[in-house]
N, C-alpha and C. Protein backbone atom coordinates (compact mmCIF):
# COMPACT_ATOMS: atom_id res chain seq x y z
N MET A 1 0.84 -1.20 0.00
CA MET A 1 0.00 0.00 0.00
C MET A 1 0.88 1.25 0.00
N ARG A 2 0.53 2.22 -0.83
CA ARG A 2 1.28 3.45 -0.96
C ARG A 2 0.72 4.51 0.00
N VAL A 3 1.62 5.12 0.78
CA VAL A 3 1.20 6.05 1.84
C VAL A 3 1.98 7.35 1.75
N VAL A 4 1.28 8.46 1.96
CA VAL A 4 1.90 9.77 2.15
C VAL A 4 1.68 10.20 3.59
N ILE A 5 2.70 10.78 4.22
CA ILE A 5 2.63 11.21 5.62
C ILE A 5 2.76 12.73 5.69
N ALA A 6 1.81 13.37 6.38
CA ALA A 6 1.87 14.82 6.54
C ALA A 6 1.82 15.17 8.02
N ASP A 7 2.90 15.75 8.53
CA ASP A 7 2.97 16.18 9.93
C ASP A 7 4.10 17.19 10.04
N ASP A 8 3.88 18.27 10.77
CA ASP A 8 4.93 19.29 10.86
C ASP A 8 6.01 18.91 11.85
N GLU A 9 5.80 17.86 12.65
CA GLU A 9 6.83 17.38 13.58
C GLU A 9 7.73 16.38 12.85
N VAL A 10 8.96 16.78 12.60
CA VAL A 10 9.87 15.95 11.81
C VAL A 10 10.09 14.59 12.46
N LEU A 11 10.26 14.56 13.77
CA LEU A 11 10.52 13.29 14.45
C LEU A 11 9.35 12.32 14.29
N LEU A 12 8.15 12.83 14.43
CA LEU A 12 6.98 11.97 14.28
C LEU A 12 6.84 11.51 12.83
N ARG A 13 7.06 12.43 11.91
CA ARG A 13 6.95 12.10 10.49
C ARG A 13 7.95 11.00 10.11
N ASP A 14 9.18 11.16 10.56
CA ASP A 14 10.20 10.16 10.24
C ASP A 14 9.96 8.86 10.99
N GLY A 15 9.44 8.97 12.22
CA GLY A 15 9.13 7.77 12.98
C GLY A 15 8.04 6.94 12.33
N LEU A 16 7.00 7.60 11.84
CA LEU A 16 5.94 6.89 11.13
C LEU A 16 6.47 6.27 9.85
N ASP A 17 7.34 6.99 9.17
CA ASP A 17 7.96 6.47 7.95
C ASP A 17 8.68 5.16 8.26
N ARG A 18 9.48 5.15 9.31
CA ARG A 18 10.25 3.95 9.65
C ARG A 18 9.33 2.79 10.04
N LEU A 19 8.33 3.08 10.91
CA LEU A 19 7.41 2.03 11.34
C LEU A 19 6.67 1.41 10.17
N LEU A 20 6.16 2.26 9.29
CA LEU A 20 5.35 1.75 8.18
C LEU A 20 6.21 1.01 7.17
N THR A 21 7.42 1.51 6.91
CA THR A 21 8.32 0.83 5.97
C THR A 21 8.66 -0.56 6.49
N GLU A 22 8.96 -0.65 7.79
CA GLU A 22 9.29 -1.96 8.38
C GLU A 22 8.10 -2.91 8.35
N ALA A 23 6.88 -2.35 8.34
CA ALA A 23 5.67 -3.18 8.31
C ALA A 23 5.25 -3.54 6.89
N GLY A 24 6.01 -3.09 5.90
CA GLY A 24 5.73 -3.47 4.53
C GLY A 24 4.97 -2.46 3.71
N PHE A 25 4.71 -1.28 4.27
CA PHE A 25 4.05 -0.22 3.51
C PHE A 25 5.08 0.53 2.67
N ASP A 26 4.60 1.17 1.61
CA ASP A 26 5.47 1.94 0.73
C ASP A 26 5.20 3.43 0.96
N VAL A 27 6.08 4.09 1.71
CA VAL A 27 5.93 5.52 1.98
C VAL A 27 6.45 6.28 0.77
N VAL A 28 5.54 6.90 0.02
CA VAL A 28 5.91 7.51 -1.26
C VAL A 28 6.02 9.03 -1.18
N GLY A 29 5.78 9.60 0.00
CA GLY A 29 5.91 11.04 0.13
C GLY A 29 5.72 11.49 1.56
N LYS A 30 6.36 12.61 1.92
CA LYS A 30 6.21 13.20 3.24
C LYS A 30 6.07 14.71 3.09
N ALA A 31 5.28 15.31 3.99
CA ALA A 31 5.03 16.75 3.90
C ALA A 31 4.94 17.35 5.29
N GLY A 32 5.31 18.63 5.40
CA GLY A 32 5.24 19.33 6.67
C GLY A 32 4.15 20.37 6.73
N THR A 33 3.50 20.63 5.58
CA THR A 33 2.41 21.60 5.53
C THR A 33 1.29 21.04 4.67
N ALA A 34 0.10 21.64 4.82
CA ALA A 34 -1.04 21.20 4.02
C ALA A 34 -0.77 21.45 2.53
N ARG A 35 -0.12 22.55 2.22
CA ARG A 35 0.18 22.85 0.82
C ARG A 35 1.10 21.78 0.22
N ASP A 36 2.13 21.40 0.97
CA ASP A 36 3.04 20.35 0.49
C ASP A 36 2.31 19.01 0.38
N LEU A 37 1.38 18.77 1.28
CA LEU A 37 0.61 17.53 1.24
C LEU A 37 -0.17 17.42 -0.07
N HIS A 38 -0.84 18.49 -0.46
CA HIS A 38 -1.59 18.48 -1.72
C HIS A 38 -0.66 18.16 -2.90
N ARG A 39 0.53 18.74 -2.86
CA ARG A 39 1.47 18.49 -3.95
C ARG A 39 1.91 17.02 -3.96
N GLU A 40 2.20 16.47 -2.79
CA GLU A 40 2.65 15.08 -2.71
C GLU A 40 1.55 14.12 -3.18
N VAL A 41 0.31 14.40 -2.80
CA VAL A 41 -0.80 13.53 -3.22
C VAL A 41 -0.96 13.58 -4.74
N GLY A 42 -0.83 14.79 -5.32
CA GLY A 42 -0.95 14.92 -6.76
C GLY A 42 0.16 14.23 -7.52
N LEU A 43 1.37 14.23 -6.95
CA LEU A 43 2.52 13.64 -7.63
C LEU A 43 2.65 12.14 -7.40
N ALA A 44 2.40 11.70 -6.17
CA ALA A 44 2.69 10.31 -5.80
C ALA A 44 1.50 9.37 -5.95
N HIS A 45 0.29 9.90 -6.01
CA HIS A 45 -0.92 9.07 -6.14
C HIS A 45 -0.95 7.94 -5.09
N PRO A 46 -0.96 8.31 -3.82
CA PRO A 46 -0.97 7.28 -2.77
C PRO A 46 -2.33 6.62 -2.64
N ASP A 47 -2.36 5.51 -1.91
CA ASP A 47 -3.63 4.87 -1.56
C ASP A 47 -4.26 5.55 -0.35
N VAL A 48 -3.40 5.97 0.60
CA VAL A 48 -3.88 6.61 1.83
C VAL A 48 -2.92 7.72 2.22
N ALA A 49 -3.48 8.83 2.75
CA ALA A 49 -2.66 9.91 3.31
C ALA A 49 -2.89 9.96 4.81
N ILE A 50 -1.80 9.96 5.58
CA ILE A 50 -1.86 10.14 7.03
C ILE A 50 -1.61 11.62 7.31
N ILE A 51 -2.53 12.26 8.03
CA ILE A 51 -2.50 13.72 8.12
C ILE A 51 -2.66 14.18 9.57
N ASP A 52 -1.74 15.03 10.02
CA ASP A 52 -1.88 15.68 11.32
C ASP A 52 -2.99 16.71 11.24
N ILE A 53 -3.79 16.83 12.29
CA ILE A 53 -4.96 17.71 12.22
C ILE A 53 -4.58 19.19 12.29
N LYS A 54 -3.54 19.53 13.02
CA LYS A 54 -3.15 20.94 13.18
C LYS A 54 -1.77 21.15 12.57
N MET A 55 -1.75 21.96 11.52
CA MET A 55 -0.53 22.16 10.75
C MET A 55 -0.32 23.65 10.50
N PRO A 56 0.89 24.03 10.03
CA PRO A 56 1.15 25.43 9.72
C PRO A 56 0.21 25.92 8.61
N PRO A 57 -0.06 27.25 8.55
CA PRO A 57 0.59 28.30 9.35
C PRO A 57 -0.11 28.61 10.68
N THR A 58 -1.40 28.29 10.83
CA THR A 58 -2.12 28.72 12.04
C THR A 58 -2.24 27.63 13.08
N HIS A 59 -1.92 26.39 12.71
CA HIS A 59 -2.02 25.26 13.64
C HIS A 59 -3.42 25.15 14.25
N THR A 60 -4.42 25.32 13.42
CA THR A 60 -5.81 25.13 13.87
C THR A 60 -6.36 23.85 13.25
N ASP A 61 -6.95 23.97 12.05
CA ASP A 61 -7.53 22.77 11.44
C ASP A 61 -7.08 22.58 9.99
N GLU A 62 -5.87 23.06 9.67
CA GLU A 62 -5.39 22.93 8.28
C GLU A 62 -5.37 21.48 7.80
N GLY A 63 -4.95 20.57 8.66
CA GLY A 63 -4.89 19.17 8.26
C GLY A 63 -6.26 18.59 8.01
N LEU A 64 -7.22 18.96 8.85
CA LEU A 64 -8.59 18.48 8.67
C LEU A 64 -9.17 18.99 7.36
N VAL A 65 -8.97 20.28 7.08
CA VAL A 65 -9.46 20.86 5.83
C VAL A 65 -8.80 20.17 4.64
N ALA A 66 -7.50 19.92 4.73
CA ALA A 66 -6.79 19.25 3.64
C ALA A 66 -7.33 17.84 3.42
N ALA A 67 -7.64 17.14 4.51
CA ALA A 67 -8.20 15.80 4.39
C ALA A 67 -9.53 15.82 3.65
N GLN A 68 -10.38 16.78 3.99
CA GLN A 68 -11.68 16.90 3.33
C GLN A 68 -11.50 17.24 1.85
N GLU A 69 -10.55 18.10 1.55
CA GLU A 69 -10.30 18.49 0.15
C GLU A 69 -9.75 17.31 -0.66
N ILE A 70 -8.90 16.52 -0.03
CA ILE A 70 -8.33 15.36 -0.73
C ILE A 70 -9.42 14.34 -1.04
N ARG A 71 -10.33 14.10 -0.08
CA ARG A 71 -11.42 13.15 -0.32
C ARG A 71 -12.31 13.64 -1.46
N ALA A 72 -12.46 14.97 -1.59
CA ALA A 72 -13.30 15.51 -2.65
C ALA A 72 -12.61 15.48 -4.01
N SER A 73 -11.32 15.82 -4.04
CA SER A 73 -10.62 15.93 -5.32
C SER A 73 -9.93 14.65 -5.75
N HIS A 74 -9.62 13.77 -4.79
CA HIS A 74 -8.98 12.48 -5.09
C HIS A 74 -9.76 11.37 -4.37
N PRO A 75 -10.94 11.02 -4.86
CA PRO A 75 -11.80 10.07 -4.13
C PRO A 75 -11.19 8.69 -3.95
N ALA A 76 -10.18 8.35 -4.73
CA ALA A 76 -9.54 7.04 -4.57
C ALA A 76 -8.53 7.03 -3.42
N VAL A 77 -8.21 8.20 -2.88
CA VAL A 77 -7.22 8.30 -1.80
C VAL A 77 -7.95 8.35 -0.45
N GLY A 78 -7.68 7.38 0.41
CA GLY A 78 -8.22 7.41 1.76
C GLY A 78 -7.44 8.37 2.62
N VAL A 79 -8.05 8.87 3.68
CA VAL A 79 -7.36 9.79 4.58
C VAL A 79 -7.51 9.30 6.02
N LEU A 80 -6.40 9.31 6.74
CA LEU A 80 -6.39 8.96 8.16
C LEU A 80 -5.82 10.13 8.93
N VAL A 81 -6.66 10.82 9.68
CA VAL A 81 -6.25 12.00 10.44
C VAL A 81 -5.77 11.56 11.83
N LEU A 82 -4.62 12.07 12.23
CA LEU A 82 -4.08 11.81 13.56
C LEU A 82 -4.13 13.10 14.38
N SER A 83 -4.48 12.98 15.65
CA SER A 83 -4.61 14.18 16.48
C SER A 83 -4.21 13.89 17.91
N HIS A 84 -3.71 14.93 18.58
CA HIS A 84 -3.50 14.86 20.02
C HIS A 84 -4.80 15.12 20.77
N TYR A 85 -5.83 15.56 20.05
CA TYR A 85 -7.00 16.14 20.70
C TYR A 85 -8.22 15.24 20.61
N LEU A 86 -8.90 15.05 21.73
CA LEU A 86 -10.10 14.24 21.81
C LEU A 86 -11.30 15.15 21.52
N GLU A 87 -11.60 15.36 20.24
CA GLU A 87 -12.67 16.26 19.82
C GLU A 87 -13.59 15.52 18.85
N SER A 88 -14.77 15.14 19.33
CA SER A 88 -15.68 14.37 18.49
C SER A 88 -16.16 15.16 17.28
N HIS A 89 -16.26 16.51 17.42
CA HIS A 89 -16.76 17.29 16.28
C HIS A 89 -15.76 17.32 15.13
N TYR A 90 -14.46 17.13 15.42
CA TYR A 90 -13.49 17.01 14.34
C TYR A 90 -13.77 15.74 13.53
N ALA A 91 -14.02 14.63 14.25
CA ALA A 91 -14.32 13.37 13.57
C ALA A 91 -15.58 13.50 12.74
N MET A 92 -16.59 14.19 13.29
CA MET A 92 -17.84 14.36 12.57
C MET A 92 -17.63 15.19 11.30
N ARG A 93 -16.85 16.26 11.40
CA ARG A 93 -16.58 17.09 10.24
C ARG A 93 -15.90 16.29 9.13
N LEU A 94 -15.02 15.39 9.55
CA LEU A 94 -14.24 14.63 8.57
C LEU A 94 -15.12 13.74 7.72
N ILE A 95 -16.08 13.07 8.33
CA ILE A 95 -16.81 12.04 7.58
C ILE A 95 -18.19 12.45 7.12
N GLN A 96 -18.67 13.64 7.52
CA GLN A 96 -20.05 13.96 7.19
C GLN A 96 -20.28 14.13 5.69
N GLN A 97 -19.28 14.61 4.94
CA GLN A 97 -19.44 14.78 3.51
C GLN A 97 -18.91 13.59 2.72
N HIS A 98 -17.87 12.94 3.23
CA HIS A 98 -17.26 11.80 2.54
C HIS A 98 -17.05 10.68 3.57
N PRO A 99 -18.12 9.99 3.94
CA PRO A 99 -18.05 9.05 5.05
C PRO A 99 -17.16 7.84 4.81
N GLY A 100 -17.02 7.41 3.57
CA GLY A 100 -16.18 6.25 3.31
C GLY A 100 -14.73 6.64 3.10
N GLY A 101 -13.81 5.76 3.48
CA GLY A 101 -12.41 6.00 3.22
C GLY A 101 -11.79 7.09 4.07
N ALA A 102 -12.27 7.24 5.31
CA ALA A 102 -11.73 8.27 6.20
C ALA A 102 -11.63 7.73 7.61
N GLY A 103 -10.63 8.21 8.35
CA GLY A 103 -10.46 7.78 9.73
C GLY A 103 -9.90 8.88 10.60
N TYR A 104 -10.11 8.75 11.91
CA TYR A 104 -9.65 9.75 12.88
C TYR A 104 -9.15 8.98 14.10
N LEU A 105 -7.85 9.05 14.37
CA LEU A 105 -7.26 8.38 15.52
C LEU A 105 -6.48 9.36 16.37
N LEU A 106 -6.44 9.10 17.67
CA LEU A 106 -5.57 9.87 18.55
C LEU A 106 -4.14 9.36 18.39
N LYS A 107 -3.19 10.29 18.44
CA LYS A 107 -1.80 9.91 18.22
C LYS A 107 -1.30 8.91 19.25
N GLU A 108 -1.84 8.97 20.45
CA GLU A 108 -1.38 8.04 21.48
C GLU A 108 -1.72 6.59 21.12
N ARG A 109 -2.65 6.40 20.18
CA ARG A 109 -3.05 5.05 19.77
C ARG A 109 -2.06 4.42 18.80
N VAL A 110 -1.18 5.20 18.21
CA VAL A 110 -0.35 4.67 17.13
C VAL A 110 1.10 4.48 17.57
N SER A 111 1.31 4.25 18.86
CA SER A 111 2.66 3.96 19.33
C SER A 111 3.14 2.62 18.79
N GLY A 112 2.20 1.71 18.52
CA GLY A 112 2.51 0.44 17.88
C GLY A 112 1.97 0.43 16.47
N VAL A 113 2.65 -0.27 15.57
CA VAL A 113 2.26 -0.23 14.17
C VAL A 113 1.00 -1.02 13.89
N GLY A 114 0.62 -1.95 14.79
CA GLY A 114 -0.53 -2.81 14.54
C GLY A 114 -1.83 -2.04 14.38
N VAL A 115 -2.10 -1.12 15.32
CA VAL A 115 -3.34 -0.33 15.26
C VAL A 115 -3.33 0.55 14.02
N LEU A 116 -2.19 1.16 13.73
CA LEU A 116 -2.10 2.04 12.57
C LEU A 116 -2.27 1.27 11.27
N ALA A 117 -1.62 0.12 11.17
CA ALA A 117 -1.73 -0.69 9.95
C ALA A 117 -3.16 -1.13 9.71
N ASP A 118 -3.84 -1.57 10.78
CA ASP A 118 -5.23 -1.99 10.66
C ASP A 118 -6.11 -0.84 10.17
N ALA A 119 -5.90 0.35 10.74
CA ALA A 119 -6.70 1.51 10.34
C ALA A 119 -6.44 1.87 8.88
N LEU A 120 -5.20 1.82 8.46
CA LEU A 120 -4.88 2.14 7.07
C LEU A 120 -5.57 1.19 6.09
N VAL A 121 -5.55 -0.10 6.42
CA VAL A 121 -6.19 -1.09 5.55
C VAL A 121 -7.69 -0.83 5.46
N ARG A 122 -8.31 -0.56 6.60
CA ARG A 122 -9.76 -0.34 6.61
C ARG A 122 -10.14 0.92 5.86
N VAL A 123 -9.37 1.98 6.05
CA VAL A 123 -9.65 3.23 5.32
C VAL A 123 -9.48 3.01 3.83
N HIS A 124 -8.43 2.28 3.44
CA HIS A 124 -8.19 2.00 2.03
C HIS A 124 -9.33 1.20 1.42
N GLU A 125 -9.97 0.35 2.23
CA GLU A 125 -11.07 -0.47 1.75
C GLU A 125 -12.42 0.24 1.78
N GLY A 126 -12.41 1.53 2.17
CA GLY A 126 -13.63 2.32 2.12
C GLY A 126 -14.39 2.42 3.43
N GLU A 127 -13.82 1.91 4.52
CA GLU A 127 -14.46 2.02 5.83
C GLU A 127 -14.19 3.41 6.42
N CYS A 128 -14.97 3.77 7.44
CA CYS A 128 -14.59 4.91 8.27
C CYS A 128 -14.17 4.35 9.63
N VAL A 129 -13.06 4.84 10.13
CA VAL A 129 -12.46 4.33 11.36
C VAL A 129 -12.35 5.48 12.36
N ILE A 130 -13.03 5.35 13.48
CA ILE A 130 -13.03 6.40 14.50
C ILE A 130 -12.40 5.86 15.77
N ASP A 131 -11.57 6.68 16.41
CA ASP A 131 -10.88 6.26 17.62
C ASP A 131 -11.86 5.75 18.67
N PRO A 132 -11.58 4.60 19.30
CA PRO A 132 -12.50 4.04 20.29
C PRO A 132 -12.84 4.99 21.43
N THR A 133 -11.90 5.87 21.81
CA THR A 133 -12.18 6.82 22.88
C THR A 133 -13.29 7.79 22.47
N ILE A 134 -13.27 8.23 21.22
CA ILE A 134 -14.31 9.11 20.72
C ILE A 134 -15.63 8.37 20.62
N VAL A 135 -15.58 7.12 20.17
CA VAL A 135 -16.79 6.31 20.09
C VAL A 135 -17.44 6.18 21.47
N SER A 136 -16.62 5.94 22.49
CA SER A 136 -17.16 5.81 23.85
C SER A 136 -17.81 7.10 24.31
N ARG A 137 -17.18 8.22 23.99
CA ARG A 137 -17.76 9.52 24.37
C ARG A 137 -19.10 9.73 23.68
N LEU A 138 -19.17 9.42 22.38
CA LEU A 138 -20.41 9.59 21.65
C LEU A 138 -21.49 8.66 22.17
N LEU A 139 -21.11 7.45 22.56
CA LEU A 139 -22.08 6.50 23.09
C LEU A 139 -22.72 7.02 24.36
N ARG A 140 -21.92 7.69 25.21
CA ARG A 140 -22.46 8.25 26.45
C ARG A 140 -23.36 9.44 26.18
N ARG A 141 -23.05 10.21 25.12
CA ARG A 141 -23.77 11.46 24.87
C ARG A 141 -24.99 11.30 23.96
N ALA A 142 -25.10 10.18 23.25
CA ALA A 142 -26.19 10.04 22.28
C ALA A 142 -27.54 10.10 22.97
N PRO A 143 -28.48 10.94 22.53
CA PRO A 143 -29.77 11.11 23.18
C PRO A 143 -30.68 9.90 22.96
N PRO A 144 -31.36 9.40 23.99
CA PRO A 144 -32.22 8.23 23.85
C PRO A 144 -33.40 8.45 22.92
N ALA A 145 -33.79 9.70 22.67
CA ALA A 145 -34.93 9.97 21.82
C ALA A 145 -34.59 9.85 20.33
N SER A 146 -33.33 9.68 20.01
CA SER A 146 -32.93 9.59 18.62
C SER A 146 -33.27 8.22 18.06
N ALA A 147 -32.96 8.03 16.78
CA ALA A 147 -33.19 6.73 16.16
C ALA A 147 -32.44 5.62 16.88
N LEU A 148 -31.33 5.97 17.50
CA LEU A 148 -30.57 4.97 18.25
C LEU A 148 -31.34 4.43 19.44
N GLY A 149 -32.33 5.18 19.89
CA GLY A 149 -33.14 4.72 21.02
C GLY A 149 -33.91 3.45 20.72
N GLN A 150 -34.06 3.11 19.46
CA GLN A 150 -34.75 1.89 19.08
C GLN A 150 -33.88 0.66 19.22
N LEU A 151 -32.57 0.87 19.33
CA LEU A 151 -31.65 -0.26 19.39
C LEU A 151 -31.60 -0.86 20.79
N THR A 152 -31.40 -2.16 20.85
CA THR A 152 -31.17 -2.81 22.13
C THR A 152 -29.76 -2.46 22.62
N ASP A 153 -29.48 -2.77 23.89
CA ASP A 153 -28.15 -2.50 24.42
C ASP A 153 -27.08 -3.22 23.61
N ARG A 154 -27.34 -4.48 23.26
CA ARG A 154 -26.36 -5.24 22.49
C ARG A 154 -26.17 -4.65 21.10
N GLU A 155 -27.26 -4.21 20.46
CA GLU A 155 -27.14 -3.61 19.14
C GLU A 155 -26.34 -2.31 19.19
N ARG A 156 -26.51 -1.54 20.26
CA ARG A 156 -25.71 -0.31 20.43
C ARG A 156 -24.24 -0.65 20.62
N GLN A 157 -23.96 -1.73 21.35
CA GLN A 157 -22.57 -2.15 21.54
C GLN A 157 -21.95 -2.59 20.21
N VAL A 158 -22.73 -3.32 19.42
CA VAL A 158 -22.26 -3.76 18.11
C VAL A 158 -22.00 -2.55 17.21
N LEU A 159 -22.92 -1.58 17.22
CA LEU A 159 -22.75 -0.38 16.40
C LEU A 159 -21.53 0.42 16.84
N ALA A 160 -21.27 0.46 18.14
CA ALA A 160 -20.08 1.16 18.64
C ALA A 160 -18.81 0.54 18.07
N LEU A 161 -18.76 -0.80 18.01
CA LEU A 161 -17.59 -1.46 17.45
C LEU A 161 -17.52 -1.26 15.94
N MET A 162 -18.68 -1.22 15.28
CA MET A 162 -18.69 -0.89 13.86
C MET A 162 -18.09 0.49 13.62
N ALA A 163 -18.40 1.42 14.52
CA ALA A 163 -17.87 2.79 14.40
C ALA A 163 -16.35 2.81 14.55
N GLU A 164 -15.82 1.85 15.28
CA GLU A 164 -14.37 1.75 15.42
C GLU A 164 -13.73 1.08 14.20
N GLY A 165 -14.58 0.62 13.26
CA GLY A 165 -14.06 -0.04 12.07
C GLY A 165 -13.89 -1.54 12.23
N ARG A 166 -14.53 -2.13 13.27
CA ARG A 166 -14.36 -3.56 13.53
C ARG A 166 -15.20 -4.39 12.57
N SER A 167 -14.65 -5.50 12.13
CA SER A 167 -15.36 -6.43 11.26
C SER A 167 -16.31 -7.29 12.08
N ASN A 168 -17.21 -8.01 11.40
CA ASN A 168 -18.11 -8.93 12.10
C ASN A 168 -17.32 -9.97 12.88
N LYS A 169 -16.23 -10.45 12.30
CA LYS A 169 -15.40 -11.45 12.98
C LYS A 169 -14.86 -10.90 14.29
N ALA A 170 -14.36 -9.66 14.26
CA ALA A 170 -13.82 -9.05 15.48
C ALA A 170 -14.92 -8.84 16.52
N ILE A 171 -16.13 -8.51 16.07
CA ILE A 171 -17.24 -8.33 17.00
C ILE A 171 -17.62 -9.67 17.63
N CYS A 172 -17.58 -10.73 16.85
CA CYS A 172 -17.83 -12.08 17.39
C CYS A 172 -16.86 -12.39 18.51
N GLU A 173 -15.59 -12.10 18.27
CA GLU A 173 -14.55 -12.41 19.25
C GLU A 173 -14.70 -11.56 20.50
N ARG A 174 -15.11 -10.30 20.35
CA ARG A 174 -15.25 -9.42 21.51
C ARG A 174 -16.36 -9.89 22.43
N PHE A 175 -17.50 -10.31 21.85
CA PHE A 175 -18.67 -10.65 22.66
C PHE A 175 -18.91 -12.15 22.77
N PHE A 176 -17.99 -12.96 22.22
CA PHE A 176 -18.15 -14.42 22.26
C PHE A 176 -19.49 -14.84 21.66
N LEU A 177 -19.78 -14.28 20.49
CA LEU A 177 -21.02 -14.58 19.78
C LEU A 177 -20.71 -15.29 18.48
N GLY A 178 -21.69 -16.04 17.98
CA GLY A 178 -21.54 -16.71 16.70
C GLY A 178 -21.76 -15.75 15.55
N PRO A 179 -21.23 -16.08 14.35
CA PRO A 179 -21.38 -15.20 13.19
C PRO A 179 -22.84 -14.90 12.85
N LYS A 180 -23.71 -15.87 12.94
CA LYS A 180 -25.12 -15.65 12.61
C LYS A 180 -25.76 -14.65 13.57
N THR A 181 -25.37 -14.73 14.84
CA THR A 181 -25.93 -13.80 15.83
C THR A 181 -25.51 -12.38 15.53
N VAL A 182 -24.22 -12.19 15.23
CA VAL A 182 -23.73 -10.85 14.91
C VAL A 182 -24.36 -10.34 13.62
N GLU A 183 -24.47 -11.20 12.63
CA GLU A 183 -25.13 -10.79 11.39
C GLU A 183 -26.56 -10.35 11.65
N GLY A 184 -27.24 -11.03 12.56
CA GLY A 184 -28.60 -10.64 12.92
C GLY A 184 -28.65 -9.28 13.59
N HIS A 185 -27.69 -9.02 14.49
CA HIS A 185 -27.63 -7.70 15.14
C HIS A 185 -27.38 -6.61 14.11
N VAL A 186 -26.45 -6.83 13.19
CA VAL A 186 -26.13 -5.84 12.17
C VAL A 186 -27.35 -5.59 11.28
N ARG A 187 -28.03 -6.65 10.91
CA ARG A 187 -29.23 -6.52 10.08
C ARG A 187 -30.30 -5.70 10.80
N ASN A 188 -30.48 -5.97 12.10
CA ASN A 188 -31.46 -5.21 12.90
C ASN A 188 -31.09 -3.74 12.98
N ILE A 189 -29.79 -3.46 13.11
CA ILE A 189 -29.33 -2.06 13.17
C ILE A 189 -29.70 -1.34 11.88
N PHE A 190 -29.41 -1.97 10.74
CA PHE A 190 -29.75 -1.36 9.46
C PHE A 190 -31.25 -1.08 9.36
N THR A 191 -32.05 -2.05 9.79
CA THR A 191 -33.50 -1.91 9.69
C THR A 191 -34.01 -0.78 10.58
N LYS A 192 -33.56 -0.74 11.83
CA LYS A 192 -34.04 0.26 12.77
C LYS A 192 -33.57 1.67 12.41
N LEU A 193 -32.42 1.77 11.75
CA LEU A 193 -31.92 3.09 11.35
C LEU A 193 -32.43 3.48 9.96
N GLY A 194 -33.24 2.61 9.35
CA GLY A 194 -33.83 2.93 8.05
C GLY A 194 -32.85 2.90 6.91
N ILE A 195 -31.83 2.02 7.00
CA ILE A 195 -30.81 1.92 5.97
C ILE A 195 -31.11 0.70 5.12
N GLY A 196 -31.65 0.92 3.93
CA GLY A 196 -32.03 -0.18 3.06
C GLY A 196 -30.88 -0.64 2.19
N GLU A 197 -31.15 -1.66 1.40
CA GLU A 197 -30.16 -2.18 0.46
C GLU A 197 -29.83 -1.11 -0.58
N SER A 198 -28.56 -1.03 -0.95
CA SER A 198 -28.14 -0.06 -1.96
C SER A 198 -26.85 -0.53 -2.59
N ALA A 199 -26.76 -0.37 -3.91
CA ALA A 199 -25.53 -0.74 -4.61
C ALA A 199 -24.48 0.36 -4.52
N ASP A 200 -24.90 1.56 -4.13
CA ASP A 200 -23.99 2.69 -4.16
C ASP A 200 -23.44 3.08 -2.79
N ASP A 201 -24.18 2.79 -1.73
CA ASP A 201 -23.79 3.24 -0.40
C ASP A 201 -23.29 2.08 0.45
N HIS A 202 -22.27 2.33 1.20
CA HIS A 202 -21.74 1.34 2.14
C HIS A 202 -22.61 1.38 3.39
N ARG A 203 -23.38 0.33 3.64
CA ARG A 203 -24.39 0.36 4.70
C ARG A 203 -23.76 0.52 6.08
N ARG A 204 -22.62 -0.09 6.31
CA ARG A 204 -21.96 0.05 7.60
C ARG A 204 -21.54 1.50 7.83
N VAL A 205 -21.02 2.14 6.78
CA VAL A 205 -20.61 3.53 6.90
C VAL A 205 -21.82 4.42 7.20
N LEU A 206 -22.93 4.17 6.53
CA LEU A 206 -24.13 4.97 6.77
C LEU A 206 -24.64 4.78 8.19
N ALA A 207 -24.56 3.55 8.72
CA ALA A 207 -24.98 3.30 10.09
C ALA A 207 -24.10 4.07 11.07
N VAL A 208 -22.79 4.06 10.83
CA VAL A 208 -21.87 4.78 11.70
C VAL A 208 -22.12 6.29 11.61
N LEU A 209 -22.40 6.77 10.40
CA LEU A 209 -22.68 8.19 10.23
C LEU A 209 -23.93 8.59 11.02
N SER A 210 -24.96 7.76 11.00
CA SER A 210 -26.15 8.02 11.81
C SER A 210 -25.80 8.06 13.29
N TYR A 211 -24.91 7.17 13.68
CA TYR A 211 -24.46 7.09 15.07
C TYR A 211 -23.77 8.38 15.49
N LEU A 212 -22.86 8.86 14.66
CA LEU A 212 -22.13 10.08 14.99
C LEU A 212 -23.05 11.30 14.99
N ARG A 213 -23.98 11.34 14.06
CA ARG A 213 -24.88 12.48 13.97
C ARG A 213 -25.82 12.57 15.17
N SER A 214 -26.00 11.47 15.89
CA SER A 214 -26.91 11.47 17.02
C SER A 214 -26.36 12.20 18.22
N ALA A 215 -25.03 12.40 18.24
CA ALA A 215 -24.41 13.06 19.38
C ALA A 215 -24.42 14.56 19.19
N PRO A 216 -24.77 15.34 20.24
CA PRO A 216 -24.75 16.80 20.12
C PRO A 216 -23.36 17.31 19.79
N GLN A 217 -23.27 18.23 18.87
CA GLN A 217 -21.96 18.78 18.48
C GLN A 217 -21.79 20.19 19.08
N PRO A 218 -20.55 20.58 19.38
CA PRO A 218 -20.30 21.90 19.94
C PRO A 218 -20.76 23.00 19.00
N GLN A 219 -21.18 24.09 19.54
CA GLN A 219 -21.61 25.24 18.75
C GLN A 219 -20.43 26.17 18.51
N GLY A 220 -20.45 26.82 17.33
CA GLY A 220 -19.44 27.81 17.04
C GLY A 220 -18.16 27.24 16.55
C-alpha cells in the first residue's frame, strides 16, 4: 500500500515512515504543511494519506481541511487524520461529507504499528475508522430519543464497534457470539436506522454516520 505522511513534527513524520516501511508499507511522500501535502498527493498518487490535524501556518484545522479536500478531489485516496486532541466534532466534520475512506485516531493510539496498519487497511477499503475513545464519548452522549433509542443495548454495543471499524469477525470475538448472531444484530441495526439495500452506499458507513450524527456537536 502506498502512503503519504503529513505532519509538521519531523521526528513523528520520520518515525511513522520507519514504522510503516518496516511493516511493509510503501511511503511515497512526506510533507510538513497542508500545501506540500496536496502536492505530494498529486505527484505520488498514494492509496492513503496520514494527516496531522493541526498544521502550519495557524495550527488550527489545516490538516482536517486538507483531508476533506483530498477526499473531494482524489476520491480514490483514503485519509487517516491523527490528532493529540479528543474532539468528536473534528471526527464528525471529517466524515459527514465523505463518510467512506476516512479515519480519525488519537496519536497516542499509534505507538505500535498494529493499530495504525489496521486503520490504514480499513480506510483504504472504504471504511470509516473512528478512535475508540471518541466512540465511547459519543455512546455516552447520544440522546435516547434519537433513532438509536430503538436499538437494544447489544445492538448499540455492536454499532459502537462498527464505528471503530471492527469487522463482524472481530465483534464475534469481543462478545463471544456466533457469526449468525452478529449478522442478525447488524441486520437489525440497518432496519431500525432505516438503511435499506443499496448498490452505491456502504451500509456500515451509513450506520456509523447516523451514530455520529446522534451526538450533540459543539456550537461555534
